[in-house]
Amino acid sequence: MHANRADQTVVEALARLLADSYTLYLKTHNYHWNVTGPMFNTLHTLLEAEYSELAIAVDEIAERIRALGAPAPGSYREFAALASLKEAVGGETALVMIEQLASDQRIVADSARAVVAAAEEAGDQASADLGVRRIDVHEKNAWMLGSHLEA
């Protein structure tokens, strides 16, 4: 079974959301492992919660792509080609980690908005619902991370 033309637009938006989400998962996990400084315990715990939630989310997004009859991207090469996010370069301070992750959360929320728009155009309520739920999570995470930057 292959996705029809309307579904193809939704599949493409979901594939970008999957790539952005997986890149954010990897970056968040990286920062969880490598954060240092006075906020270590707080950030280590917060980032673990965020990457754990993302691990479940990427599975749900990939399964939605499969439910629409398309193959889900699943390699670093495919994710790198599709993702809007940049990988961590290494050596970031805790504050830079927070700034990057807060920004990345907003970018992933935008990817989820694109899913909602495509899904609504295609009459695909299930994909639209998935996108709305992802927007909620990423906006909340961006707020929580950004709160660490306030004086």
Protein backbone atom coordinates (compact mmCIF):
# COMPACT_ATOMS: atom_id res chain seq x y z
CA MET A 1 0.00 0.00 0.00
CA HIS A 2 1.31 3.43 -0.88
CA ALA A 3 0.20 6.81 0.42
CA ASN A 4 -2.17 8.72 -1.86
CA ARG A 5 -1.30 12.24 -3.04
CA ALA A 6 -2.98 13.97 -0.04
CA ASP A 7 -1.36 11.54 2.35
CA GLN A 8 2.03 12.11 0.69
CA THR A 9 2.09 15.71 1.87
CA VAL A 10 1.26 14.54 5.38
CA VAL A 11 3.90 11.80 5.18
CA GLU A 12 6.53 14.34 4.11
CA ALA A 13 5.64 16.64 7.02
CA LEU A 14 5.68 13.68 9.42
CA ALA A 15 9.07 12.58 8.08
CA ARG A 16 10.50 16.05 8.78
CA LEU A 17 8.95 15.99 12.26
CA LEU A 18 10.46 12.56 12.84
CA ALA A 19 13.91 13.73 11.70
CA ASP A 20 13.74 16.86 13.86
CA SER A 21 12.46 14.87 16.84
CA TYR A 22 15.17 12.22 16.51
CA THR A 23 17.87 14.87 16.14
CA LEU A 24 16.53 16.61 19.24
CA TYR A 25 16.45 13.26 21.06
CA LEU A 26 20.09 12.63 20.22
CA LYS A 27 21.17 16.17 21.12
CA THR A 28 19.23 16.11 24.41
CA HIS A 29 20.73 12.74 25.32
CA ASN A 30 24.21 14.03 24.44
CA TYR A 31 23.73 17.07 26.67
CA HIS A 32 22.33 14.88 29.48
CA TRP A 33 25.57 12.90 29.40
CA ASN A 34 27.88 15.90 29.11
CA VAL A 35 26.35 18.73 31.14
CA THR A 36 28.56 20.12 33.91
CA GLY A 37 28.46 23.00 36.34
CA PRO A 38 26.28 24.22 39.20
CA MET A 39 23.02 23.28 37.41
CA PHE A 40 24.22 19.71 36.76
CA ASN A 41 21.64 17.82 38.83
CA THR A 42 18.69 19.92 37.70
CA LEU A 43 19.63 19.76 34.03
CA HIS A 44 20.70 16.11 34.11
CA THR A 45 17.26 15.18 35.49
CA LEU A 46 15.29 17.52 33.21
CA LEU A 47 17.10 16.36 30.08
CA GLU A 48 16.54 12.71 31.00
CA ALA A 49 12.79 13.34 31.21
CA GLU A 50 12.86 15.15 27.86
CA TYR A 51 14.86 12.53 25.94
CA SER A 52 12.75 9.73 27.46
CA GLU A 53 9.58 11.43 26.21
CA LEU A 54 11.18 11.95 22.78
CA ALA A 55 12.07 8.24 22.56
CA ILE A 56 8.37 7.41 22.78
CA ALA A 57 7.42 10.25 20.42
CA VAL A 58 9.71 9.17 17.58
CA ASP A 59 8.13 5.72 17.69
CA GLU A 60 4.63 7.19 17.52
CA ILE A 61 5.55 9.47 14.61
CA ALA A 62 7.23 6.64 12.67
CA GLU A 63 4.25 4.36 13.26
CA ARG A 64 1.89 7.06 11.95
CA ILE A 65 3.97 7.26 8.77
CA ARG A 66 3.69 3.47 8.44
CA ALA A 67 -0.07 3.61 9.07
CA LEU A 68 -0.30 5.95 6.08
CA GLY A 69 1.36 3.27 3.96
CA ALA A 70 4.80 4.85 3.60
CA PRO A 71 8.20 3.75 4.83
CA ALA A 72 9.52 5.71 7.81
CA PRO A 73 12.99 7.22 7.50
CA GLY A 74 15.32 5.63 10.01
CA SER A 75 18.97 6.34 9.29
CA TYR A 76 21.27 9.16 10.34
CA ARG A 77 21.74 9.96 6.65
CA GLU A 78 17.99 10.32 6.09
CA PHE A 79 17.50 12.29 9.29
CA ALA A 80 20.37 14.65 8.46
CA ALA A 81 18.83 15.33 5.03
CA LEU A 82 15.36 16.00 6.47
CA ALA A 83 16.09 17.72 9.80
CA SER A 84 15.98 21.45 10.44
CA LEU A 85 18.04 21.04 13.63
CA LYS A 86 21.80 20.91 13.82
CA GLU A 87 23.61 18.31 15.87
CA ALA A 88 25.63 19.27 18.93
CA VAL A 89 29.26 20.05 18.18
CA GLY A 90 30.60 19.22 21.64
CA GLY A 91 32.07 21.28 24.43
CA GLU A 92 28.97 23.44 24.93
CA THR A 93 28.52 25.08 28.33
CA ALA A 94 25.36 24.37 30.30
CA LEU A 95 23.93 27.77 29.32
CA VAL A 96 24.64 27.20 25.63
CA MET A 97 23.04 23.75 25.92
CA ILE A 98 19.90 25.30 27.41
CA GLU A 99 19.76 28.06 24.78
CA GLN A 100 20.18 25.58 21.92
CA LEU A 101 17.66 23.10 23.28
CA ALA A 102 15.05 25.80 23.96
CA SER A 103 15.49 27.05 20.39
CA ASP A 104 15.39 23.50 19.04
CA GLN A 105 12.17 22.78 20.94
CA ARG A 106 10.58 25.76 19.19
CA ILE A 107 11.82 24.52 15.81
CA VAL A 108 10.31 21.08 16.43
CA ALA A 109 7.04 22.74 17.46
CA ASP A 110 7.10 24.48 14.06
CA SER A 111 7.65 21.11 12.36
CA ALA A 112 4.62 19.81 14.24
CA ARG A 113 2.62 22.84 13.06
CA ALA A 114 3.46 21.86 9.48
CA VAL A 115 2.07 18.38 10.19
CA VAL A 116 -1.16 19.89 11.51
CA ALA A 117 -1.53 22.13 8.46
CA ALA A 118 -0.90 19.28 5.99
CA ALA A 119 -3.13 16.89 7.91
CA GLU A 120 -6.01 19.35 8.15
CA GLU A 121 -5.74 19.99 4.40
CA ALA A 122 -5.86 16.23 3.78
CA GLY A 123 -8.69 15.58 6.26
CA ASP A 124 -6.37 13.39 8.36
CA GLN A 125 -7.55 13.94 11.93
CA ALA A 126 -5.19 11.35 13.44
CA SER A 127 -2.07 13.04 12.07
CA ALA A 128 -3.43 16.47 12.99
CA ASP A 129 -4.00 15.26 16.56
CA LEU A 130 -0.46 13.87 16.74
CA GLY A 131 0.89 17.23 15.56
CA VAL A 132 -1.15 19.19 18.09
CA ARG A 133 0.06 16.96 20.92
CA ARG A 134 3.68 17.45 19.79
CA ILE A 135 3.25 21.24 19.65
CA ASP A 136 2.04 21.19 23.26
CA VAL A 137 5.03 19.14 24.46
CA HIS A 138 7.64 21.19 22.62
CA GLU A 139 6.21 24.56 23.63
CA LYS A 140 6.16 23.43 27.26
CA ASN A 141 9.73 22.12 27.03
CA ALA A 142 10.93 25.37 25.43
CA TRP A 143 9.34 27.31 28.29
CA MET A 144 10.84 25.05 30.96
CA LEU A 145 14.31 25.26 29.44
CA GLY A 146 14.06 28.99 28.86
CA SER A 147 13.07 29.51 32.49
CA HIS A 148 16.60 28.44 33.45
CA LEU A 149 17.96 31.43 31.52
CA GLU A 150 15.91 34.07 33.35
CA ALA A 151 17.65 36.17 35.97
